[in-house]
Amino acid sequence: MDKNIISRDSPCVSIIIPTFNRASFISQSIRSVLSQTFTDFEIIIIDDASTDNTLEVVEPFLYSSSVVFIQNLENKGISRNRNYGISIAKGKYIAMLDSDDVWIDINKLSSQVSYLEHNIDCNVVGTWMVQIDELGNPLKLITFAQSDANIRKSILYRNHIAQSSVLFRKVAAQVVGGYDDALATMEDHDLWLRMGINGQFAVLPIYALGYRLHKSNITRSQMTRVALDEITVVWRHRYHYQGILTAVLVGNVRLIKSMLF
């Protein structure tokens, strides 16, 4: 990792944006962060050896003291990049934002920071989301369970915390070892479940994330891999969460569907 522009000394939130060949979307992601009403943050952009013009697109943002830019000389994989971002993050809270997604509520961070500040037992807080197309047009509203008790009823087989909506405590992630880079997919679900063993979950009922659907989404191109990894995650956490029978059934149905797709 060879290029690093230093951020401010002690931000409250570190926003990690891993990217690989997302030049057509990443500026929208960054601008959605810069539009937030909460501004006590740093942005850590990790370019995983992109072969497109990502650097050219990102460069205008690099003159801000709140931006850290990392360029990998070789592709390392998204989980390793996220873990590296956490390791160098200066904030006590971590927000993840995939470089093809956007935040669509300017109060997202302020609402989540306030929630974690006032709920010290909560480790992970997400939001509702809107599926959007490549041009940013809304397609579908997605809601999730809100309270810790209701989330726990089904989180083993339904991930209620969208990756790009999350805000979590840095120390909670470090205690459990961060993302498992042995998982090709579903590494976020696995991390939430591990952090949820020692802390609570929450989802704020605000549509704060624009989750972009496009032809290169990993969940479309690797459906079988996703299904297999989800079964692995479910089985790993079977003793900590309720609903194992439902989770196994749902996982196998997803696997069969992926093989027939």
C-alpha atoms as a PDB file:
ATOM      1  CA  MET A   1       0.000   0.000   0.000  1.00  0.00           C
ATOM      2  CA  ASP A   2       1.929   2.954  -1.249  1.00  0.00           C
ATOM      3  CA  LYS A   3       0.041   6.248  -1.282  1.00  0.00           C
ATOM      4  CA  ASN A   4      -1.324   7.829   1.871  1.00  0.00           C
ATOM      5  CA  ILE A   5      -2.613  11.349   2.406  1.00  0.00           C
ATOM      6  CA  ILE A   6      -2.919  11.919   6.138  1.00  0.00           C
ATOM      7  CA  SER A   7      -6.238  12.744   7.777  1.00  0.00           C
ATOM      8  CA  ARG A   8      -7.141  14.854  10.805  1.00  0.00           C
ATOM      9  CA  ASP A   9      -5.824  13.695  14.190  1.00  0.00           C
ATOM     10  CA  SER A  10      -8.864  12.437  16.098  1.00  0.00           C
ATOM     11  CA  PRO A  11     -12.138  12.179  14.165  1.00  0.00           C
ATOM     12  CA  CYS A  12     -15.188  10.621  15.779  1.00  0.00           C
ATOM     13  CA  VAL A  13     -15.982   8.443  12.735  1.00  0.00           C
ATOM     14  CA  SER A  14     -13.787   6.742  10.173  1.00  0.00           C
ATOM     15  CA  ILE A  15     -15.567   6.013   6.899  1.00  0.00           C
ATOM     16  CA  ILE A  16     -13.936   3.215   4.919  1.00  0.00           C
ATOM     17  CA  ILE A  17     -14.547   3.068   1.167  1.00  0.00           C
ATOM     18  CA  PRO A  18     -12.885   0.059  -0.482  1.00  0.00           C
ATOM     19  CA  THR A  19     -12.966   0.193  -4.264  1.00  0.00           C
ATOM     20  CA  PHE A  20     -11.989  -1.777  -7.336  1.00  0.00           C
ATOM     21  CA  ASN A  21     -12.790  -0.500 -10.829  1.00  0.00           C
ATOM     22  CA  ARG A  22     -15.710   1.643  -9.720  1.00  0.00           C
ATOM     23  CA  ALA A  23     -14.626   4.896 -11.383  1.00  0.00           C
ATOM     24  CA  SER A  24     -18.147   5.433 -12.724  1.00  0.00           C
ATOM     25  CA  PHE A  25     -19.693   5.418  -9.230  1.00  0.00           C
ATOM     26  CA  ILE A  26     -17.138   6.328  -6.568  1.00  0.00           C
ATOM     27  CA  SER A  27     -17.383  10.107  -6.855  1.00  0.00           C
ATOM     28  CA  GLN A  28     -21.098   9.840  -6.047  1.00  0.00           C
ATOM     29  CA  SER A  29     -20.251   7.761  -2.985  1.00  0.00           C
ATOM     30  CA  ILE A  30     -17.708  10.295  -1.741  1.00  0.00           C
ATOM     31  CA  ARG A  31     -20.011  13.255  -2.377  1.00  0.00           C
ATOM     32  CA  SER A  32     -22.775  11.570  -0.420  1.00  0.00           C
ATOM     33  CA  VAL A  33     -20.412  11.445   2.568  1.00  0.00           C
ATOM     34  CA  LEU A  34     -19.361  15.061   2.158  1.00  0.00           C
ATOM     35  CA  SER A  35     -23.060  16.058   2.148  1.00  0.00           C
ATOM     36  CA  GLN A  36     -23.583  14.744   5.684  1.00  0.00           C
ATOM     37  CA  THR A  37     -24.581  17.219   8.416  1.00  0.00           C
ATOM     38  CA  PHE A  38     -22.201  15.392  10.769  1.00  0.00           C
ATOM     39  CA  THR A  39     -18.673  16.350   9.748  1.00  0.00           C
ATOM     40  CA  ASP A  40     -16.354  14.992  12.445  1.00  0.00           C
ATOM     41  CA  PHE A  41     -15.033  12.200  10.257  1.00  0.00           C
ATOM     42  CA  GLU A  42     -12.185  10.972   8.109  1.00  0.00           C
ATOM     43  CA  ILE A  43     -12.632   9.133   4.822  1.00  0.00           C
ATOM     44  CA  ILE A  44     -10.324   6.209   4.102  1.00  0.00           C
ATOM     45  CA  ILE A  45     -10.397   5.233   0.422  1.00  0.00           C
ATOM     46  CA  ILE A  46      -8.612   1.987  -0.421  1.00  0.00           C
ATOM     47  CA  ASP A  47      -8.093   1.380  -4.133  1.00  0.00           C
ATOM     48  CA  ASP A  48      -7.468  -2.335  -4.632  1.00  0.00           C
ATOM     49  CA  ALA A  49      -5.200  -2.004  -7.699  1.00  0.00           C
ATOM     50  CA  SER A  50      -7.923  -0.718 -10.022  1.00  0.00           C
ATOM     51  CA  THR A  51      -7.213  -0.841 -13.747  1.00  0.00           C
ATOM     52  CA  ASP A  52      -9.692   1.895 -14.689  1.00  0.00           C
ATOM     53  CA  ASN A  53      -9.374   5.648 -14.053  1.00  0.00           C
ATOM     54  CA  THR A  54     -10.321   5.490 -10.362  1.00  0.00           C
ATOM     55  CA  LEU A  55      -7.310   7.584  -9.321  1.00  0.00           C
ATOM     56  CA  GLU A  56      -8.213  10.318 -11.776  1.00  0.00           C
ATOM     57  CA  VAL A  57     -11.790  10.430 -10.466  1.00  0.00           C
ATOM     58  CA  VAL A  58     -10.749  10.405  -6.797  1.00  0.00           C
ATOM     59  CA  GLU A  59      -7.854  12.857  -7.088  1.00  0.00           C
ATOM     60  CA  PRO A  60      -9.920  16.073  -6.695  1.00  0.00           C
ATOM     61  CA  PHE A  61     -11.006  14.860  -3.239  1.00  0.00           C
ATOM     62  CA  LEU A  62      -7.473  14.137  -2.024  1.00  0.00           C
ATOM     63  CA  TYR A  63      -6.651  17.717  -1.102  1.00  0.00           C
ATOM     64  CA  SER A  64      -8.958  17.555   1.902  1.00  0.00           C
ATOM     65  CA  SER A  65      -7.282  16.965   5.255  1.00  0.00           C
ATOM     66  CA  SER A  66     -10.101  14.547   6.113  1.00  0.00           C
ATOM     67  CA  VAL A  67      -9.197  12.094   3.330  1.00  0.00           C
ATOM     68  CA  VAL A  68      -6.806   9.165   3.497  1.00  0.00           C
ATOM     69  CA  PHE A  69      -6.038   7.524   0.150  1.00  0.00           C
ATOM     70  CA  ILE A  70      -4.412   4.110  -0.175  1.00  0.00           C
ATOM     71  CA  GLN A  71      -3.399   2.520  -3.479  1.00  0.00           C
ATOM     72  CA  ASN A  72      -2.619  -1.175  -3.479  1.00  0.00           C
ATOM     73  CA  LEU A  73       0.078  -2.348  -5.864  1.00  0.00           C
ATOM     74  CA  GLU A  74      -1.755  -5.678  -6.184  1.00  0.00           C
ATOM     75  CA  ASN A  75      -5.314  -6.822  -5.578  1.00  0.00           C
ATOM     76  CA  LYS A  76      -5.752  -7.950  -1.974  1.00  0.00           C
ATOM     77  CA  GLY A  77      -9.487  -8.599  -1.701  1.00  0.00           C
ATOM     78  CA  ILE A  78     -12.223  -6.608  -0.053  1.00  0.00           C
ATOM     79  CA  SER A  79     -12.090  -8.122   3.442  1.00  0.00           C
ATOM     80  CA  ARG A  80      -8.363  -7.537   3.793  1.00  0.00           C
ATOM     81  CA  ASN A  81      -8.864  -3.958   2.658  1.00  0.00           C
ATOM     82  CA  ARG A  82     -11.659  -3.399   5.150  1.00  0.00           C
ATOM     83  CA  ASN A  83      -9.534  -4.850   7.944  1.00  0.00           C
ATOM     84  CA  TYR A  84      -6.622  -2.645   6.957  1.00  0.00           C
ATOM     85  CA  GLY A  85      -8.928   0.346   6.973  1.00  0.00           C
ATOM     86  CA  ILE A  86     -10.081  -0.518  10.490  1.00  0.00           C
ATOM     87  CA  SER A  87      -6.473  -0.945  11.653  1.00  0.00           C
ATOM     88  CA  ILE A  88      -5.472   2.574  10.567  1.00  0.00           C
ATOM     89  CA  ALA A  89      -8.786   4.243  11.414  1.00  0.00           C
ATOM     90  CA  LYS A  90      -8.574   7.017  14.007  1.00  0.00           C
ATOM     91  CA  GLY A  91     -12.281   7.192  14.794  1.00  0.00           C
ATOM     92  CA  LYS A  92     -13.967   5.317  17.621  1.00  0.00           C
ATOM     93  CA  TYR A  93     -16.807   4.479  15.220  1.00  0.00           C
ATOM     94  CA  ILE A  94     -16.449   2.823  11.805  1.00  0.00           C
ATOM     95  CA  ALA A  95     -18.785   3.315   8.845  1.00  0.00           C
ATOM     96  CA  MET A  96     -18.475   1.151   5.753  1.00  0.00           C
ATOM     97  CA  LEU A  97     -19.495   2.414   2.326  1.00  0.00           C
ATOM     98  CA  ASP A  98     -19.075   0.355  -0.829  1.00  0.00           C
ATOM     99  CA  SER A  99     -17.912   2.515  -3.715  1.00  0.00           C
ATOM    100  CA  ASP A 100     -21.016   1.876  -5.819  1.00  0.00           C
ATOM    101  CA  ASP A 101     -23.463   2.798  -3.045  1.00  0.00           C
ATOM    102  CA  VAL A 102     -24.530   6.217  -1.731  1.00  0.00           C
ATOM    103  CA  TRP A 103     -25.924   7.702   1.454  1.00  0.00           C
ATOM    104  CA  ILE A 104     -29.248   9.349   0.696  1.00  0.00           C
ATOM    105  CA  ASP A 105     -30.083  10.876   4.084  1.00  0.00           C
ATOM    106  CA  ILE A 106     -27.862  13.802   5.090  1.00  0.00           C
ATOM    107  CA  ASN A 107     -28.518  13.008   8.755  1.00  0.00           C
ATOM    108  CA  LYS A 108     -27.426   9.360   8.535  1.00  0.00           C
ATOM    109  CA  LEU A 109     -24.192   9.741  10.481  1.00  0.00           C
ATOM    110  CA  SER A 110     -25.547  12.195  13.033  1.00  0.00           C
ATOM    111  CA  SER A 111     -28.467   9.874  13.820  1.00  0.00           C
ATOM    112  CA  GLN A 112     -26.271   6.797  14.161  1.00  0.00           C
ATOM    113  CA  VAL A 113     -23.570   8.511  16.210  1.00  0.00           C
ATOM    114  CA  SER A 114     -26.209   9.868  18.559  1.00  0.00           C
ATOM    115  CA  TYR A 115     -27.705   6.396  18.924  1.00  0.00           C
ATOM    116  CA  LEU A 116     -24.383   4.746  19.812  1.00  0.00           C
ATOM    117  CA  GLU A 117     -23.484   7.579  22.178  1.00  0.00           C
ATOM    118  CA  HIS A 118     -26.748   7.066  24.075  1.00  0.00           C
ATOM    119  CA  ASN A 119     -26.864   3.246  23.882  1.00  0.00           C
ATOM    120  CA  ILE A 120     -23.527   2.014  25.193  1.00  0.00           C
ATOM    121  CA  ASP A 121     -24.573  -1.656  24.996  1.00  0.00           C
ATOM    122  CA  CYS A 122     -25.099  -1.447  21.228  1.00  0.00           C
ATOM    123  CA  ASN A 123     -22.193  -2.454  18.984  1.00  0.00           C
ATOM    124  CA  VAL A 124     -23.778  -2.287  15.530  1.00  0.00           C
ATOM    125  CA  VAL A 125     -26.406   0.053  14.093  1.00  0.00           C
ATOM    126  CA  GLY A 126     -27.755   0.039  10.541  1.00  0.00           C
ATOM    127  CA  THR A 127     -30.566   1.765   8.637  1.00  0.00           C
ATOM    128  CA  TRP A 128     -33.256   0.962   6.112  1.00  0.00           C
ATOM    129  CA  MET A 129     -32.316   1.253   2.447  1.00  0.00           C
ATOM    130  CA  VAL A 130     -33.536   1.961  -1.057  1.00  0.00           C
ATOM    131  CA  GLN A 131     -32.452  -0.199  -3.968  1.00  0.00           C
ATOM    132  CA  ILE A 132     -31.390   2.050  -6.849  1.00  0.00           C
ATOM    133  CA  ASP A 133     -30.437   1.402 -10.449  1.00  0.00           C
ATOM    134  CA  GLU A 134     -27.203   2.362 -12.213  1.00  0.00           C
ATOM    135  CA  LEU A 135     -28.469   5.913 -12.728  1.00  0.00           C
ATOM    136  CA  GLY A 136     -29.548   6.288  -9.107  1.00  0.00           C
ATOM    137  CA  ASN A 137     -33.271   5.908  -9.733  1.00  0.00           C
ATOM    138  CA  PRO A 138     -35.165   4.274  -6.831  1.00  0.00           C
ATOM    139  CA  LEU A 139     -36.364   0.731  -7.428  1.00  0.00           C
ATOM    140  CA  LYS A 140     -37.520  -0.714  -4.114  1.00  0.00           C
ATOM    141  CA  LEU A 141     -37.769   0.254  -0.442  1.00  0.00           C
ATOM    142  CA  ILE A 142     -36.194  -2.250   1.971  1.00  0.00           C
ATOM    143  CA  THR A 143     -36.966  -2.280   5.697  1.00  0.00           C
ATOM    144  CA  PHE A 144     -35.389  -4.327   8.473  1.00  0.00           C
ATOM    145  CA  ALA A 145     -36.258  -5.193  12.058  1.00  0.00           C
ATOM    146  CA  GLN A 146     -35.324  -2.333  14.393  1.00  0.00           C
ATOM    147  CA  SER A 147     -34.891  -3.537  17.974  1.00  0.00           C
ATOM    148  CA  ASP A 148     -32.203  -5.894  19.203  1.00  0.00           C
ATOM    149  CA  ALA A 149     -34.809  -8.441  20.303  1.00  0.00           C
ATOM    150  CA  ASN A 150     -36.568  -8.502  16.932  1.00  0.00           C
ATOM    151  CA  ILE A 151     -33.316  -8.529  14.953  1.00  0.00           C
ATOM    152  CA  ARG A 152     -32.070 -11.546  16.918  1.00  0.00           C
ATOM    153  CA  LYS A 153     -35.171 -13.544  16.044  1.00  0.00           C
ATOM    154  CA  SER A 154     -34.092 -13.868  12.417  1.00  0.00           C
ATOM    155  CA  ILE A 155     -30.591 -12.449  11.942  1.00  0.00           C
ATOM    156  CA  LEU A 156     -29.147 -15.934  11.594  1.00  0.00           C
ATOM    157  CA  TYR A 157     -30.902 -16.297   8.240  1.00  0.00           C
ATOM    158  CA  ARG A 158     -31.598 -12.659   7.319  1.00  0.00           C
ATOM    159  CA  ASN A 159     -28.879 -10.031   7.532  1.00  0.00           C
ATOM    160  CA  HIS A 160     -30.658  -6.945   8.873  1.00  0.00           C
ATOM    161  CA  ILE A 161     -27.559  -4.729   8.696  1.00  0.00           C
ATOM    162  CA  ALA A 162     -26.689  -3.660   5.154  1.00  0.00           C
ATOM    163  CA  GLN A 163     -22.926  -3.259   4.770  1.00  0.00           C
ATOM    164  CA  SER A 164     -23.039   0.295   3.444  1.00  0.00           C
ATOM    165  CA  SER A 165     -25.528   1.385   6.103  1.00  0.00           C
ATOM    166  CA  VAL A 166     -23.532   0.239   9.117  1.00  0.00           C
ATOM    167  CA  LEU A 167     -21.907   2.182  11.923  1.00  0.00           C
ATOM    168  CA  PHE A 168     -20.099   0.088  14.530  1.00  0.00           C
ATOM    169  CA  ARG A 169     -17.685   0.482  17.401  1.00  0.00           C
ATOM    170  CA  LYS A 170     -14.086   0.041  16.256  1.00  0.00           C
ATOM    171  CA  VAL A 171     -13.074  -1.684  19.473  1.00  0.00           C
ATOM    172  CA  ALA A 172     -15.937  -4.208  19.149  1.00  0.00           C
ATOM    173  CA  ALA A 173     -14.741  -5.215  15.685  1.00  0.00           C
ATOM    174  CA  GLN A 174     -11.121  -5.486  16.791  1.00  0.00           C
ATOM    175  CA  VAL A 175     -11.987  -7.646  19.797  1.00  0.00           C
ATOM    176  CA  VAL A 176     -13.549 -10.290  17.532  1.00  0.00           C
ATOM    177  CA  GLY A 177     -10.799 -10.112  14.897  1.00  0.00           C
ATOM    178  CA  GLY A 178     -12.477  -8.032  12.188  1.00  0.00           C
ATOM    179  CA  TYR A 179     -13.722  -9.437   8.906  1.00  0.00           C
ATOM    180  CA  ASP A 180     -12.919 -13.063   8.076  1.00  0.00           C
ATOM    181  CA  ASP A 181     -10.930 -12.802   4.845  1.00  0.00           C
ATOM    182  CA  ALA A 182     -11.325 -16.553   4.278  1.00  0.00           C
ATOM    183  CA  LEU A 183     -14.931 -15.846   3.287  1.00  0.00           C
ATOM    184  CA  ALA A 184     -15.351 -14.763  -0.321  1.00  0.00           C
ATOM    185  CA  THR A 185     -18.740 -13.210   0.484  1.00  0.00           C
ATOM    186  CA  MET A 186     -21.036 -12.775   3.504  1.00  0.00           C
ATOM    187  CA  GLU A 187     -18.106 -11.516   5.562  1.00  0.00           C
ATOM    188  CA  ASP A 188     -20.252  -8.645   6.810  1.00  0.00           C
ATOM    189  CA  HIS A 189     -23.010 -10.909   8.121  1.00  0.00           C
ATOM    190  CA  ASP A 190     -20.388 -13.006   9.890  1.00  0.00           C
ATOM    191  CA  LEU A 191     -18.806  -9.955  11.548  1.00  0.00           C
ATOM    192  CA  TRP A 192     -22.145  -8.594  12.766  1.00  0.00           C
ATOM    193  CA  LEU A 193     -22.972 -11.968  14.282  1.00  0.00           C
ATOM    194  CA  ARG A 194     -19.629 -12.100  16.086  1.00  0.00           C
ATOM    195  CA  MET A 195     -20.001  -8.541  17.412  1.00  0.00           C
ATOM    196  CA  GLY A 196     -23.575  -9.327  18.422  1.00  0.00           C
ATOM    197  CA  ILE A 197     -22.455 -12.009  20.871  1.00  0.00           C
ATOM    198  CA  ASN A 198     -21.134  -9.328  23.227  1.00  0.00           C
ATOM    199  CA  GLY A 199     -23.310  -6.381  22.277  1.00  0.00           C
ATOM    200  CA  GLN A 200     -26.657  -5.345  20.889  1.00  0.00           C
ATOM    201  CA  PHE A 201     -27.909  -4.598  17.378  1.00  0.00           C
ATOM    202  CA  ALA A 202     -30.128  -1.764  16.206  1.00  0.00           C
ATOM    203  CA  VAL A 203     -31.550  -0.496  12.929  1.00  0.00           C
ATOM    204  CA  LEU A 204     -32.792   3.063  12.604  1.00  0.00           C
ATOM    205  CA  PRO A 205     -36.063   3.414  10.642  1.00  0.00           C
ATOM    206  CA  ILE A 206     -34.659   5.895   8.120  1.00  0.00           C
ATOM    207  CA  TYR A 207     -34.020   5.297   4.426  1.00  0.00           C
ATOM    208  CA  ALA A 208     -30.380   6.349   4.573  1.00  0.00           C
ATOM    209  CA  LEU A 209     -28.692   4.022   2.067  1.00  0.00           C
ATOM    210  CA  GLY A 210     -28.989   3.875  -1.687  1.00  0.00           C
ATOM    211  CA  TYR A 211     -27.929   0.300  -2.527  1.00  0.00           C
ATOM    212  CA  ARG A 212     -27.042   0.188  -6.190  1.00  0.00           C
ATOM    213  CA  LEU A 213     -28.023  -2.742  -8.378  1.00  0.00           C
ATOM    214  CA  HIS A 214     -25.970  -3.162 -11.545  1.00  0.00           C
ATOM    215  CA  LYS A 215     -24.749  -5.960 -13.755  1.00  0.00           C
ATOM    216  CA  SER A 216     -21.412  -6.349 -11.964  1.00  0.00           C
ATOM    217  CA  ASN A 217     -22.830  -6.714  -8.427  1.00  0.00           C
ATOM    218  CA  ILE A 218     -21.053  -9.613  -6.748  1.00  0.00           C
ATOM    219  CA  THR A 219     -24.367 -11.030  -5.512  1.00  0.00           C
ATOM    220  CA  ARG A 220     -25.511 -11.510  -9.090  1.00  0.00           C
ATOM    221  CA  SER A 221     -22.342 -12.958 -10.564  1.00  0.00           C
ATOM    222  CA  GLN A 222     -21.529 -15.326  -7.689  1.00  0.00           C
ATOM    223  CA  MET A 223     -24.880 -16.524  -6.416  1.00  0.00           C
ATOM    224  CA  THR A 224     -23.687 -20.046  -5.630  1.00  0.00           C
ATOM    225  CA  ARG A 225     -20.638 -18.759  -3.756  1.00  0.00           C
ATOM    226  CA  VAL A 226     -22.884 -16.445  -1.746  1.00  0.00           C
ATOM    227  CA  ALA A 227     -25.219 -19.308  -0.845  1.00  0.00           C
ATOM    228  CA  LEU A 228     -22.349 -21.568   0.251  1.00  0.00           C
ATOM    229  CA  ASP A 229     -20.736 -18.858   2.343  1.00  0.00           C
ATOM    230  CA  GLU A 230     -24.055 -18.067   3.975  1.00  0.00           C
ATOM    231  CA  ILE A 231     -24.462 -21.708   4.991  1.00  0.00           C
ATOM    232  CA  THR A 232     -20.953 -21.596   6.475  1.00  0.00           C
ATOM    233  CA  VAL A 233     -21.783 -18.463   8.464  1.00  0.00           C
ATOM    234  CA  VAL A 234     -25.082 -19.909   9.700  1.00  0.00           C
ATOM    235  CA  TRP A 235     -23.450 -23.108  10.890  1.00  0.00           C
ATOM    236  CA  ARG A 236     -20.625 -21.171  12.571  1.00  0.00           C
ATOM    237  CA  HIS A 237     -23.090 -19.221  14.711  1.00  0.00           C
ATOM    238  CA  ARG A 238     -25.707 -21.890  15.312  1.00  0.00           C
ATOM    239  CA  TYR A 239     -25.154 -21.933  19.091  1.00  0.00           C
ATOM    240  CA  HIS A 240     -25.364 -18.168  19.574  1.00  0.00           C
ATOM    241  CA  TYR A 241     -28.600 -17.316  17.757  1.00  0.00           C
ATOM    242  CA  GLN A 242     -32.064 -18.783  17.470  1.00  0.00           C
ATOM    243  CA  GLY A 243     -33.635 -20.166  14.304  1.00  0.00           C
ATOM    244  CA  ILE A 244     -31.023 -22.681  13.180  1.00  0.00           C
ATOM    245  CA  LEU A 245     -33.557 -24.990  11.490  1.00  0.00           C
ATOM    246  CA  THR A 246     -35.094 -22.130   9.532  1.00  0.00           C
ATOM    247  CA  ALA A 247     -31.629 -20.807   8.693  1.00  0.00           C
ATOM    248  CA  VAL A 248     -30.456 -24.162   7.328  1.00  0.00           C
ATOM    249  CA  LEU A 249     -33.647 -24.532   5.285  1.00  0.00           C
ATOM    250  CA  VAL A 250     -33.389 -20.997   3.885  1.00  0.00           C
ATOM    251  CA  GLY A 251     -29.708 -21.501   3.118  1.00  0.00           C
ATOM    252  CA  ASN A 252     -30.267 -24.699   1.193  1.00  0.00           C
ATOM    253  CA  VAL A 253     -33.178 -23.211  -0.752  1.00  0.00           C
ATOM    254  CA  ARG A 254     -30.907 -20.317  -1.759  1.00  0.00           C
ATOM    255  CA  LEU A 255     -28.212 -22.769  -2.808  1.00  0.00           C
ATOM    256  CA  ILE A 256     -30.606 -24.798  -4.962  1.00  0.00           C
ATOM    257  CA  LYS A 257     -31.986 -21.631  -6.571  1.00  0.00           C
ATOM    258  CA  SER A 258     -28.470 -20.408  -7.341  1.00  0.00           C
ATOM    259  CA  MET A 259     -27.597 -23.654  -9.066  1.00  0.00           C
ATOM    260  CA  LEU A 260     -30.759 -23.469 -11.157  1.00  0.00           C
ATOM    261  CA  PHE A 261     -30.320 -19.775 -12.017  1.00  0.00           C
END
